[in-house]
Amino acid sequence: MAAGGVGLCEPEQVAALREVLYLVGRGSLVLGRLYEGHVNALALVLRYGSAESREHFAQDARDGHLFGVWNTEPDPGGLSLMQADGVMQLGGMKSYASGAGYVTRPLVTARTEDDRRLMLVAPLEPGTRSDATAWRVHGMRATATGTVEFSGLRIDTEAVIGEPDDYFRQPFFSCGAWRFLAVQCGGIASVFEAHRAHLLKTGRGGDPHQRARLGKAAAAVETARLFVAGAAEAAAHAEADPEGAVAYVNLARGVVERAGLDVIELAQRSVGLSGFLEAHPLERRVRDLATYLRQPAPDYALASAAGHILDAPGPFHALWQRP
């Protein structure tokens, strides 16, 4: 494309982006989390940024800068944008920032003086302003997630992306969840492959109970994959049916979470105690997946999808028919 990439953020490339996210997640959920944040940030810049902003940050991406999206913040202490004498300056911090110290072009939301949220891309130097010492978690440890202090950082005009509250604009805000679902789907497949490889290596695949567990796990993997494919397509065409697209992506969130938890349980029951040893291929995969599956407001997302289904005037099978 004109910006120098391969156009993965374009609607017609949604299947290709889904496959890339899936493959990266299957190889490493940590890398998948960081790469998905990079893609998400650039997609927001391309959607809402001015021509000047798009050109500027496309060049930064070509120069090797890692992007990310950091929206979570402590309360009090959240990020604010102040203006004085024509100079824009940030105050406050972001928390749960994945890639802290490594992401040098984070897209963040900052409160304006009229208490709205404005997107901007903050220029950071590697290893500065970040603290990941408190990131002591069960899984996804290598994401270097932490807090980042922005106070005193000056912001140029081209760093501002879109208008206030664009970040939360629907249907794109909710529909964007399909991207992390694709990464999670790759992680689920990775756990399944470790499960299958263990049965083959130990010669226990002939046991009917082991085969039943593997079969159930395979069905869960494929169910997640099909729902993520549907969610990606719904998001790509969200403007045609905004509420329906959001509902389908929210439904897919619940399906992928359930599939991941089921695959973890089935794999651990099949492999047994050895699967909890650090040297076993299953152990890290399960820790990372169990942690990454913890996404915000899963119950709300499922209830919202159910509400759309209940209120629909037609039959369920016709809700998401696509040519």
C-alpha atoms as a PDB file:
ATOM      1  CA  MET A   1       0.000   0.000   0.000  1.00  0.00           C
ATOM      2  CA  ALA A   2       1.002   3.660  -0.247  1.00  0.00           C
ATOM      3  CA  ALA A   3       2.183   3.782   3.389  1.00  0.00           C
ATOM      4  CA  GLY A   4       4.745   1.079   2.705  1.00  0.00           C
ATOM      5  CA  GLY A   5       3.082  -1.945   4.295  1.00  0.00           C
ATOM      6  CA  VAL A   6       1.206  -4.873   2.803  1.00  0.00           C
ATOM      7  CA  GLY A   7      -2.276  -3.570   3.611  1.00  0.00           C
ATOM      8  CA  LEU A   8      -3.213  -6.053   6.337  1.00  0.00           C
ATOM      9  CA  CYS A   9      -5.477  -3.473   7.983  1.00  0.00           C
ATOM     10  CA  GLU A  10      -7.636  -3.129   4.875  1.00  0.00           C
ATOM     11  CA  PRO A  11     -11.044  -4.881   5.008  1.00  0.00           C
ATOM     12  CA  GLU A  12     -10.275  -7.028   1.972  1.00  0.00           C
ATOM     13  CA  GLN A  13      -7.193  -8.407   3.747  1.00  0.00           C
ATOM     14  CA  VAL A  14      -9.031  -9.509   6.888  1.00  0.00           C
ATOM     15  CA  ALA A  15      -8.517 -13.228   6.201  1.00  0.00           C
ATOM     16  CA  ALA A  16      -4.787 -12.713   5.737  1.00  0.00           C
ATOM     17  CA  LEU A  17      -4.486 -10.693   8.945  1.00  0.00           C
ATOM     18  CA  ARG A  18      -6.463 -13.327  10.828  1.00  0.00           C
ATOM     19  CA  GLU A  19      -4.078 -16.027   9.627  1.00  0.00           C
ATOM     20  CA  VAL A  20      -1.015 -13.970  10.575  1.00  0.00           C
ATOM     21  CA  LEU A  21      -2.358 -13.287  14.073  1.00  0.00           C
ATOM     22  CA  TYR A  22      -3.275 -16.955  14.492  1.00  0.00           C
ATOM     23  CA  LEU A  23       0.156 -18.176  13.408  1.00  0.00           C
ATOM     24  CA  VAL A  24       2.012 -15.700  15.617  1.00  0.00           C
ATOM     25  CA  GLY A  25      -0.181 -16.689  18.576  1.00  0.00           C
ATOM     26  CA  ARG A  26       0.407 -20.365  17.921  1.00  0.00           C
ATOM     27  CA  GLY A  27       4.143 -19.753  18.028  1.00  0.00           C
ATOM     28  CA  SER A  28       4.110 -17.462  21.094  1.00  0.00           C
ATOM     29  CA  LEU A  29       1.215 -15.822  22.892  1.00  0.00           C
ATOM     30  CA  VAL A  30       3.613 -13.240  24.311  1.00  0.00           C
ATOM     31  CA  LEU A  31       4.750 -12.213  20.849  1.00  0.00           C
ATOM     32  CA  GLY A  32       1.159 -12.410  19.642  1.00  0.00           C
ATOM     33  CA  ARG A  33       0.004 -10.020  22.361  1.00  0.00           C
ATOM     34  CA  LEU A  34       2.659  -7.456  21.426  1.00  0.00           C
ATOM     35  CA  TYR A  35       2.143  -7.853  17.686  1.00  0.00           C
ATOM     36  CA  GLU A  36      -1.639  -7.520  18.022  1.00  0.00           C
ATOM     37  CA  GLY A  37      -1.129  -4.274  19.949  1.00  0.00           C
ATOM     38  CA  HIS A  38       1.178  -3.006  17.195  1.00  0.00           C
ATOM     39  CA  VAL A  39      -1.441  -3.816  14.546  1.00  0.00           C
ATOM     40  CA  ASN A  40      -4.250  -2.308  16.613  1.00  0.00           C
ATOM     41  CA  ALA A  41      -2.397   0.980  17.070  1.00  0.00           C
ATOM     42  CA  LEU A  42      -1.581   1.308  13.388  1.00  0.00           C
ATOM     43  CA  ALA A  43      -5.157   0.408  12.424  1.00  0.00           C
ATOM     44  CA  LEU A  44      -6.417   3.260  14.633  1.00  0.00           C
ATOM     45  CA  VAL A  45      -3.909   5.675  13.114  1.00  0.00           C
ATOM     46  CA  LEU A  46      -4.974   4.668   9.601  1.00  0.00           C
ATOM     47  CA  ARG A  47      -8.674   4.957  10.438  1.00  0.00           C
ATOM     48  CA  TYR A  48      -8.731   8.210  12.400  1.00  0.00           C
ATOM     49  CA  GLY A  49      -5.432   9.989  11.778  1.00  0.00           C
ATOM     50  CA  SER A  50      -4.902  12.915   9.441  1.00  0.00           C
ATOM     51  CA  ALA A  51      -2.914  12.445   6.244  1.00  0.00           C
ATOM     52  CA  GLU A  52       0.071  14.017   8.000  1.00  0.00           C
ATOM     53  CA  SER A  53      -0.263  11.661  10.977  1.00  0.00           C
ATOM     54  CA  ARG A  54      -0.637   8.580   8.788  1.00  0.00           C
ATOM     55  CA  GLU A  55       2.473   9.449   6.807  1.00  0.00           C
ATOM     56  CA  HIS A  56       4.489  10.322   9.909  1.00  0.00           C
ATOM     57  CA  PHE A  57       3.709   7.144  11.835  1.00  0.00           C
ATOM     58  CA  ALA A  58       3.960   4.898   8.796  1.00  0.00           C
ATOM     59  CA  GLN A  59       7.531   6.139   8.519  1.00  0.00           C
ATOM     60  CA  ASP A  60       8.089   5.397  12.207  1.00  0.00           C
ATOM     61  CA  ALA A  61       6.845   1.846  11.640  1.00  0.00           C
ATOM     62  CA  ARG A  62       9.163   1.441   8.672  1.00  0.00           C
ATOM     63  CA  ASP A  63      12.013   2.719  10.856  1.00  0.00           C
ATOM     64  CA  GLY A  64      11.393  -0.137  13.293  1.00  0.00           C
ATOM     65  CA  HIS A  65       9.385   1.489  16.068  1.00  0.00           C
ATOM     66  CA  LEU A  66       7.102  -0.851  17.998  1.00  0.00           C
ATOM     67  CA  PHE A  67       3.563   0.449  18.480  1.00  0.00           C
ATOM     68  CA  GLY A  68       1.003  -0.572  21.072  1.00  0.00           C
ATOM     69  CA  VAL A  69      -2.323   0.489  22.573  1.00  0.00           C
ATOM     70  CA  TRP A  70      -2.321   1.504  26.252  1.00  0.00           C
ATOM     71  CA  ASN A  71      -5.736   2.482  27.546  1.00  0.00           C
ATOM     72  CA  THR A  72      -5.778   1.166  31.140  1.00  0.00           C
ATOM     73  CA  GLU A  73      -4.764   3.568  33.881  1.00  0.00           C
ATOM     74  CA  PRO A  74      -4.781   3.864  37.671  1.00  0.00           C
ATOM     75  CA  ASP A  75      -7.423   5.920  39.441  1.00  0.00           C
ATOM     76  CA  PRO A  76      -6.319   8.449  40.476  1.00  0.00           C
ATOM     77  CA  GLY A  77      -3.254   9.124  38.367  1.00  0.00           C
ATOM     78  CA  GLY A  78      -4.675   8.596  34.883  1.00  0.00           C
ATOM     79  CA  LEU A  79      -3.314  10.324  31.814  1.00  0.00           C
ATOM     80  CA  SER A  80      -4.342  13.905  31.023  1.00  0.00           C
ATOM     81  CA  LEU A  81      -3.482  16.338  28.241  1.00  0.00           C
ATOM     82  CA  MET A  82      -2.800  19.970  29.134  1.00  0.00           C
ATOM     83  CA  GLN A  83      -2.252  22.957  26.874  1.00  0.00           C
ATOM     84  CA  ALA A  84      -0.485  26.176  27.791  1.00  0.00           C
ATOM     85  CA  ASP A  85       0.921  28.846  25.486  1.00  0.00           C
ATOM     86  CA  GLY A  86       0.302  26.606  22.469  1.00  0.00           C
ATOM     87  CA  VAL A  87       2.277  23.694  23.957  1.00  0.00           C
ATOM     88  CA  MET A  88       0.627  20.302  24.594  1.00  0.00           C
ATOM     89  CA  GLN A  89       1.974  18.316  27.513  1.00  0.00           C
ATOM     90  CA  LEU A  90       0.987  15.068  29.210  1.00  0.00           C
ATOM     91  CA  GLY A  91       0.537  14.374  32.898  1.00  0.00           C
ATOM     92  CA  GLY A  92      -0.096  11.046  34.650  1.00  0.00           C
ATOM     93  CA  MET A  93       0.469   7.435  33.750  1.00  0.00           C
ATOM     94  CA  LYS A  94      -0.858   4.272  32.149  1.00  0.00           C
ATOM     95  CA  SER A  95      -0.972   0.843  33.795  1.00  0.00           C
ATOM     96  CA  TYR A  96      -0.996  -2.721  32.455  1.00  0.00           C
ATOM     97  CA  ALA A  97       1.014  -1.430  29.507  1.00  0.00           C
ATOM     98  CA  SER A  98       2.289  -4.440  27.553  1.00  0.00           C
ATOM     99  CA  GLY A  99       5.785  -3.980  26.182  1.00  0.00           C
ATOM    100  CA  ALA A 100       6.643  -1.237  28.674  1.00  0.00           C
ATOM    101  CA  GLY A 101      10.185  -0.124  27.928  1.00  0.00           C
ATOM    102  CA  TYR A 102      10.112  -1.652  24.450  1.00  0.00           C
ATOM    103  CA  VAL A 103       7.069  -0.048  22.821  1.00  0.00           C
ATOM    104  CA  THR A 104       8.330   3.326  21.627  1.00  0.00           C
ATOM    105  CA  ARG A 105       5.168   4.551  19.901  1.00  0.00           C
ATOM    106  CA  PRO A 106       2.234   3.754  22.200  1.00  0.00           C
ATOM    107  CA  LEU A 107      -1.196   4.962  21.200  1.00  0.00           C
ATOM    108  CA  VAL A 108      -2.802   6.192  24.417  1.00  0.00           C
ATOM    109  CA  THR A 109      -5.995   7.914  25.479  1.00  0.00           C
ATOM    110  CA  ALA A 110      -5.676  11.093  27.504  1.00  0.00           C
ATOM    111  CA  ARG A 111      -8.341  13.173  29.233  1.00  0.00           C
ATOM    112  CA  THR A 112      -8.771  16.644  27.788  1.00  0.00           C
ATOM    113  CA  GLU A 113      -9.709  19.738  29.780  1.00  0.00           C
ATOM    114  CA  ASP A 114     -13.399  19.144  28.970  1.00  0.00           C
ATOM    115  CA  ASP A 115     -13.111  15.574  30.354  1.00  0.00           C
ATOM    116  CA  ARG A 116     -13.191  13.742  27.011  1.00  0.00           C
ATOM    117  CA  ARG A 117     -10.708  11.137  25.807  1.00  0.00           C
ATOM    118  CA  LEU A 118      -8.339  11.963  22.975  1.00  0.00           C
ATOM    119  CA  MET A 119      -6.085   9.470  21.191  1.00  0.00           C
ATOM    120  CA  LEU A 120      -2.464  10.343  20.608  1.00  0.00           C
ATOM    121  CA  VAL A 121       0.783   8.560  19.861  1.00  0.00           C
ATOM    122  CA  ALA A 122       3.445   9.349  22.442  1.00  0.00           C
ATOM    123  CA  PRO A 123       7.124   9.326  21.378  1.00  0.00           C
ATOM    124  CA  LEU A 124       9.166   7.331  23.893  1.00  0.00           C
ATOM    125  CA  GLU A 125      12.780   6.297  24.129  1.00  0.00           C
ATOM    126  CA  PRO A 126      13.457   2.580  24.738  1.00  0.00           C
ATOM    127  CA  GLY A 127      13.748   1.676  28.403  1.00  0.00           C
ATOM    128  CA  THR A 128      12.546   5.017  29.722  1.00  0.00           C
ATOM    129  CA  ARG A 129       9.583   6.070  31.891  1.00  0.00           C
ATOM    130  CA  SER A 130       8.509   2.447  32.522  1.00  0.00           C
ATOM    131  CA  ASP A 131       8.381   0.132  35.532  1.00  0.00           C
ATOM    132  CA  ALA A 132       7.523  -3.555  35.089  1.00  0.00           C
ATOM    133  CA  THR A 133       8.846  -4.757  38.462  1.00  0.00           C
ATOM    134  CA  ALA A 134       5.339  -5.459  39.786  1.00  0.00           C
ATOM    135  CA  TRP A 135       4.509  -7.770  36.849  1.00  0.00           C
ATOM    136  CA  ARG A 136       4.622 -11.044  38.811  1.00  0.00           C
ATOM    137  CA  VAL A 137       1.939 -13.123  37.182  1.00  0.00           C
ATOM    138  CA  HIS A 138       1.016 -16.722  36.444  1.00  0.00           C
ATOM    139  CA  GLY A 139       1.605 -16.440  32.697  1.00  0.00           C
ATOM    140  CA  MET A 140       2.504 -13.988  29.917  1.00  0.00           C
ATOM    141  CA  ARG A 141       5.479 -12.913  32.018  1.00  0.00           C
ATOM    142  CA  ALA A 142       7.662 -11.950  29.055  1.00  0.00           C
ATOM    143  CA  THR A 143       5.246  -9.245  27.847  1.00  0.00           C
ATOM    144  CA  ALA A 144       7.052  -6.792  30.146  1.00  0.00           C
ATOM    145  CA  THR A 145       3.734  -5.332  31.251  1.00  0.00           C
ATOM    146  CA  GLY A 146       3.966  -2.431  33.665  1.00  0.00           C
ATOM    147  CA  THR A 147       3.246   1.211  34.411  1.00  0.00           C
ATOM    148  CA  VAL A 148       4.508   4.093  32.300  1.00  0.00           C
ATOM    149  CA  GLU A 149       4.872   7.665  33.567  1.00  0.00           C
ATOM    150  CA  PHE A 150       4.204  10.364  30.936  1.00  0.00           C
ATOM    151  CA  SER A 151       4.321  13.520  33.038  1.00  0.00           C
ATOM    152  CA  GLY A 152       6.125  16.353  31.301  1.00  0.00           C
ATOM    153  CA  LEU A 153       6.178  14.698  27.877  1.00  0.00           C
ATOM    154  CA  ARG A 154       5.467  17.188  25.085  1.00  0.00           C
ATOM    155  CA  ILE A 155       3.173  16.223  22.233  1.00  0.00           C
ATOM    156  CA  ASP A 156       3.288  17.539  18.670  1.00  0.00           C
ATOM    157  CA  THR A 157       0.233  18.209  16.537  1.00  0.00           C
ATOM    158  CA  GLU A 158       0.688  15.173  14.283  1.00  0.00           C
ATOM    159  CA  ALA A 159       0.651  12.928  17.363  1.00  0.00           C
ATOM    160  CA  VAL A 160      -3.059  13.640  17.920  1.00  0.00           C
ATOM    161  CA  ILE A 161      -5.224  10.966  16.290  1.00  0.00           C
ATOM    162  CA  GLY A 162      -8.804  11.813  15.378  1.00  0.00           C
ATOM    163  CA  GLU A 163     -11.356  13.683  17.469  1.00  0.00           C
ATOM    164  CA  PRO A 164     -12.152  13.309  21.180  1.00  0.00           C
ATOM    165  CA  ASP A 165     -13.820   9.969  22.021  1.00  0.00           C
ATOM    166  CA  ASP A 166     -13.029   8.430  18.607  1.00  0.00           C
ATOM    167  CA  TYR A 167     -11.279   5.581  20.413  1.00  0.00           C
ATOM    168  CA  PHE A 168     -14.615   4.377  21.794  1.00  0.00           C
ATOM    169  CA  ARG A 169     -16.520   4.847  18.535  1.00  0.00           C
ATOM    170  CA  GLN A 170     -18.722   1.883  17.689  1.00  0.00           C
ATOM    171  CA  PRO A 171     -18.821  -0.566  16.018  1.00  0.00           C
ATOM    172  CA  PHE A 172     -15.047  -0.456  15.618  1.00  0.00           C
ATOM    173  CA  PHE A 173     -14.217  -0.329  19.343  1.00  0.00           C
ATOM    174  CA  SER A 174     -15.976  -3.602  20.179  1.00  0.00           C
ATOM    175  CA  CYS A 175     -15.371  -5.282  16.841  1.00  0.00           C
ATOM    176  CA  GLY A 176     -11.610  -4.851  17.162  1.00  0.00           C
ATOM    177  CA  ALA A 177     -11.641  -7.621  19.771  1.00  0.00           C
ATOM    178  CA  TRP A 178     -11.559 -10.183  16.956  1.00  0.00           C
ATOM    179  CA  ARG A 179      -7.832  -9.556  16.569  1.00  0.00           C
ATOM    180  CA  PHE A 180      -6.882 -10.694  20.061  1.00  0.00           C
ATOM    181  CA  LEU A 181      -9.305 -13.603  19.644  1.00  0.00           C
ATOM    182  CA  ALA A 182      -7.283 -14.713  16.622  1.00  0.00           C
ATOM    183  CA  VAL A 183      -4.104 -14.658  18.726  1.00  0.00           C
ATOM    184  CA  GLN A 184      -5.831 -16.596  21.508  1.00  0.00           C
ATOM    185  CA  CYS A 185      -7.079 -19.105  18.943  1.00  0.00           C
ATOM    186  CA  GLY A 186      -3.473 -19.740  17.946  1.00  0.00           C
ATOM    187  CA  GLY A 187      -2.575 -20.264  21.599  1.00  0.00           C
ATOM    188  CA  ILE A 188      -5.414 -22.768  21.993  1.00  0.00           C
ATOM    189  CA  ALA A 189      -4.131 -24.668  18.968  1.00  0.00           C
ATOM    190  CA  SER A 190      -0.636 -24.689  20.502  1.00  0.00           C
ATOM    191  CA  VAL A 191      -1.937 -26.278  23.727  1.00  0.00           C
ATOM    192  CA  PHE A 192      -3.815 -28.841  21.672  1.00  0.00           C
ATOM    193  CA  GLU A 193      -0.692 -29.740  19.674  1.00  0.00           C
ATOM    194  CA  ALA A 194       1.283 -30.244  22.886  1.00  0.00           C
ATOM    195  CA  HIS A 195      -1.532 -32.504  24.127  1.00  0.00           C
ATOM    196  CA  ARG A 196      -1.545 -34.526  20.913  1.00  0.00           C
ATOM    197  CA  ALA A 197       2.253 -34.757  20.760  1.00  0.00           C
ATOM    198  CA  HIS A 198       2.350 -36.104  24.315  1.00  0.00           C
ATOM    199  CA  LEU A 199      -0.088 -38.917  23.496  1.00  0.00           C
ATOM    200  CA  LEU A 200       1.923 -39.858  20.417  1.00  0.00           C
ATOM    201  CA  LYS A 201       5.258 -39.737  22.252  1.00  0.00           C
ATOM    202  CA  THR A 202       4.064 -41.811  25.203  1.00  0.00           C
ATOM    203  CA  GLY A 203       2.078 -44.285  23.114  1.00  0.00           C
ATOM    204  CA  ARG A 204      -1.087 -43.603  25.085  1.00  0.00           C
ATOM    205  CA  GLY A 205      -3.203 -42.567  22.128  1.00  0.00           C
ATOM    206  CA  GLY A 206      -4.835 -45.977  21.864  1.00  0.00           C
ATOM    207  CA  ASP A 207      -6.656 -45.603  25.166  1.00  0.00           C
ATOM    208  CA  PRO A 208     -10.346 -44.852  24.427  1.00  0.00           C
ATOM    209  CA  HIS A 209     -10.576 -42.290  27.228  1.00  0.00           C
ATOM    210  CA  GLN A 210      -7.541 -40.456  25.899  1.00  0.00           C
ATOM    211  CA  ARG A 211      -9.020 -40.475  22.408  1.00  0.00           C
ATOM    212  CA  ALA A 212     -12.314 -39.107  23.727  1.00  0.00           C
ATOM    213  CA  ARG A 213     -10.526 -36.223  25.455  1.00  0.00           C
ATOM    214  CA  LEU A 214      -8.473 -35.479  22.349  1.00  0.00           C
ATOM    215  CA  GLY A 215     -11.607 -35.543  20.211  1.00  0.00           C
ATOM    216  CA  LYS A 216     -13.393 -33.102  22.496  1.00  0.00           C
ATOM    217  CA  ALA A 217     -10.353 -30.824  22.455  1.00  0.00           C
ATOM    218  CA  ALA A 218     -10.167 -30.947  18.656  1.00  0.00           C
ATOM    219  CA  ALA A 219     -13.831 -29.945  18.420  1.00  0.00           C
ATOM    220  CA  ALA A 220     -13.194 -27.003  20.747  1.00  0.00           C
ATOM    221  CA  VAL A 221     -10.189 -25.842  18.701  1.00  0.00           C
ATOM    222  CA  GLU A 222     -12.163 -25.970  15.480  1.00  0.00           C
ATOM    223  CA  THR A 223     -15.183 -24.234  17.032  1.00  0.00           C
ATOM    224  CA  ALA A 224     -12.978 -21.369  18.166  1.00  0.00           C
ATOM    225  CA  ARG A 225     -11.349 -21.128  14.746  1.00  0.00           C
ATOM    226  CA  LEU A 226     -14.689 -20.961  12.934  1.00  0.00           C
ATOM    227  CA  PHE A 227     -16.089 -18.331  15.286  1.00  0.00           C
ATOM    228  CA  VAL A 228     -12.971 -16.174  14.952  1.00  0.00           C
ATOM    229  CA  ALA A 229     -13.238 -16.390  11.165  1.00  0.00           C
ATOM    230  CA  GLY A 230     -16.870 -15.276  11.408  1.00  0.00           C
ATOM    231  CA  ALA A 231     -15.985 -12.470  13.825  1.00  0.00           C
ATOM    232  CA  ALA A 232     -13.247 -11.188  11.509  1.00  0.00           C
ATOM    233  CA  GLU A 233     -15.643 -11.085   8.557  1.00  0.00           C
ATOM    234  CA  ALA A 234     -18.348  -9.409  10.648  1.00  0.00           C
ATOM    235  CA  ALA A 235     -15.869  -6.744  11.768  1.00  0.00           C
ATOM    236  CA  ALA A 236     -14.652  -6.164   8.216  1.00  0.00           C
ATOM    237  CA  HIS A 237     -18.230  -5.396   7.122  1.00  0.00           C
ATOM    238  CA  ALA A 238     -19.398  -3.812  10.371  1.00  0.00           C
ATOM    239  CA  GLU A 239     -20.668  -0.623   8.758  1.00  0.00           C
ATOM    240  CA  ALA A 240     -23.391  -2.609   6.980  1.00  0.00           C
ATOM    241  CA  ASP A 241     -24.783  -3.985  10.269  1.00  0.00           C
ATOM    242  CA  PRO A 242     -23.059  -2.311  13.233  1.00  0.00           C
ATOM    243  CA  GLU A 243     -25.124  -3.830  16.036  1.00  0.00           C
ATOM    244  CA  GLY A 244     -25.060  -7.282  14.488  1.00  0.00           C
ATOM    245  CA  ALA A 245     -21.287  -7.162  14.016  1.00  0.00           C
ATOM    246  CA  VAL A 246     -20.696  -6.136  17.630  1.00  0.00           C
ATOM    247  CA  ALA A 247     -23.017  -8.888  18.848  1.00  0.00           C
ATOM    248  CA  TYR A 248     -21.243 -11.557  16.805  1.00  0.00           C
ATOM    249  CA  VAL A 249     -17.780 -10.495  17.989  1.00  0.00           C
ATOM    250  CA  ASN A 250     -19.038 -10.455  21.587  1.00  0.00           C
ATOM    251  CA  LEU A 251     -20.478 -13.939  21.089  1.00  0.00           C
ATOM    252  CA  ALA A 252     -17.143 -15.101  19.688  1.00  0.00           C
ATOM    253  CA  ARG A 253     -15.381 -13.769  22.787  1.00  0.00           C
ATOM    254  CA  GLY A 254     -17.373 -16.155  24.974  1.00  0.00           C
ATOM    255  CA  VAL A 255     -16.877 -19.075  22.601  1.00  0.00           C
ATOM    256  CA  VAL A 256     -13.096 -18.622  22.420  1.00  0.00           C
ATOM    257  CA  GLU A 257     -12.783 -18.281  26.194  1.00  0.00           C
ATOM    258  CA  ARG A 258     -14.814 -21.454  26.766  1.00  0.00           C
ATOM    259  CA  ALA A 259     -12.842 -23.329  24.105  1.00  0.00           C
ATOM    260  CA  GLY A 260      -9.551 -22.282  25.669  1.00  0.00           C
ATOM    261  CA  LEU A 261     -10.572 -23.328  29.168  1.00  0.00           C
ATOM    262  CA  ASP A 262     -11.893 -26.666  27.892  1.00  0.00           C
ATOM    263  CA  VAL A 263      -8.740 -27.418  25.905  1.00  0.00           C
ATOM    264  CA  ILE A 264      -6.585 -26.581  28.931  1.00  0.00           C
ATOM    265  CA  GLU A 265      -8.588 -28.900  31.197  1.00  0.00           C
ATOM    266  CA  LEU A 266      -8.649 -31.770  28.693  1.00  0.00           C
ATOM    267  CA  ALA A 267      -4.920 -31.482  28.015  1.00  0.00           C
ATOM    268  CA  GLN A 268      -4.011 -31.409  31.698  1.00  0.00           C
ATOM    269  CA  ARG A 269      -6.211 -34.407  32.464  1.00  0.00           C
ATOM    270  CA  SER A 270      -4.668 -36.388  29.621  1.00  0.00           C
ATOM    271  CA  VAL A 271      -1.046 -35.506  30.319  1.00  0.00           C
ATOM    272  CA  GLY A 272      -1.298 -35.671  34.097  1.00  0.00           C
ATOM    273  CA  LEU A 273       1.207 -34.388  36.617  1.00  0.00           C
ATOM    274  CA  SER A 274       4.100 -34.255  34.140  1.00  0.00           C
ATOM    275  CA  GLY A 275       2.254 -31.461  32.316  1.00  0.00           C
ATOM    276  CA  PHE A 276       2.829 -29.227  35.349  1.00  0.00           C
ATOM    277  CA  LEU A 277       6.619 -29.613  35.192  1.00  0.00           C
ATOM    278  CA  GLU A 278       8.407 -26.569  33.809  1.00  0.00           C
ATOM    279  CA  ALA A 279      10.331 -28.745  31.367  1.00  0.00           C
ATOM    280  CA  HIS A 280       7.145 -30.074  29.745  1.00  0.00           C
ATOM    281  CA  PRO A 281       6.010 -28.310  26.532  1.00  0.00           C
ATOM    282  CA  LEU A 282       2.480 -28.006  27.910  1.00  0.00           C
ATOM    283  CA  GLU A 283       3.322 -26.073  31.086  1.00  0.00           C
ATOM    284  CA  ARG A 284       4.228 -22.642  29.689  1.00  0.00           C
ATOM    285  CA  ARG A 285       1.609 -22.825  26.957  1.00  0.00           C
ATOM    286  CA  VAL A 286      -1.133 -23.412  29.525  1.00  0.00           C
ATOM    287  CA  ARG A 287       0.090 -20.646  31.849  1.00  0.00           C
ATOM    288  CA  ASP A 288       0.234 -18.104  29.037  1.00  0.00           C
ATOM    289  CA  LEU A 289      -3.139 -19.070  27.590  1.00  0.00           C
ATOM    290  CA  ALA A 290      -4.928 -19.087  30.959  1.00  0.00           C
ATOM    291  CA  THR A 291      -3.596 -15.595  31.657  1.00  0.00           C
ATOM    292  CA  TYR A 292      -4.303 -14.165  28.199  1.00  0.00           C
ATOM    293  CA  LEU A 293      -7.878 -15.455  28.276  1.00  0.00           C
ATOM    294  CA  ARG A 294      -8.588 -13.004  31.116  1.00  0.00           C
ATOM    295  CA  GLN A 295     -10.030 -10.143  29.089  1.00  0.00           C
ATOM    296  CA  PRO A 296     -12.201  -7.265  30.369  1.00  0.00           C
ATOM    297  CA  ALA A 297     -15.953  -7.631  30.932  1.00  0.00           C
ATOM    298  CA  PRO A 298     -16.541 -11.118  29.452  1.00  0.00           C
ATOM    299  CA  ASP A 299     -19.947 -11.459  31.122  1.00  0.00           C
ATOM    300  CA  TYR A 300     -21.075  -8.089  29.804  1.00  0.00           C
ATOM    301  CA  ALA A 301     -19.980  -9.020  26.274  1.00  0.00           C
ATOM    302  CA  LEU A 302     -21.928 -12.290  26.362  1.00  0.00           C
ATOM    303  CA  ALA A 303     -25.022 -10.668  27.885  1.00  0.00           C
ATOM    304  CA  SER A 304     -24.901  -7.932  25.258  1.00  0.00           C
ATOM    305  CA  ALA A 305     -24.800 -10.517  22.472  1.00  0.00           C
ATOM    306  CA  ALA A 306     -27.690 -12.404  24.054  1.00  0.00           C
ATOM    307  CA  GLY A 307     -29.712  -9.191  24.226  1.00  0.00           C
ATOM    308  CA  HIS A 308     -29.210  -8.608  20.508  1.00  0.00           C
ATOM    309  CA  ILE A 309     -30.356 -12.169  19.784  1.00  0.00           C
ATOM    310  CA  LEU A 310     -33.444 -11.783  21.981  1.00  0.00           C
ATOM    311  CA  ASP A 311     -34.477  -8.494  20.373  1.00  0.00           C
ATOM    312  CA  ALA A 312     -33.916  -9.620  16.773  1.00  0.00           C
ATOM    313  CA  PRO A 313     -37.179  -9.699  14.772  1.00  0.00           C
ATOM    314  CA  GLY A 314     -36.186 -12.648  12.589  1.00  0.00           C
ATOM    315  CA  PRO A 315     -35.083 -16.231  13.257  1.00  0.00           C
ATOM    316  CA  PHE A 316     -31.695 -16.899  14.809  1.00  0.00           C
ATOM    317  CA  HIS A 317     -30.275 -18.626  11.715  1.00  0.00           C
ATOM    318  CA  ALA A 318     -30.799 -15.445   9.657  1.00  0.00           C
ATOM    319  CA  LEU A 319     -29.035 -13.028  12.017  1.00  0.00           C
ATOM    320  CA  TRP A 320     -25.576 -13.187  10.475  1.00  0.00           C
ATOM    321  CA  GLN A 321     -26.166 -14.543   7.001  1.00  0.00           C
ATOM    322  CA  ARG A 322     -23.470 -13.336   4.623  1.00  0.00           C
ATOM    323  CA  PRO A 323     -23.190 -13.850   0.883  1.00  0.00           C
END
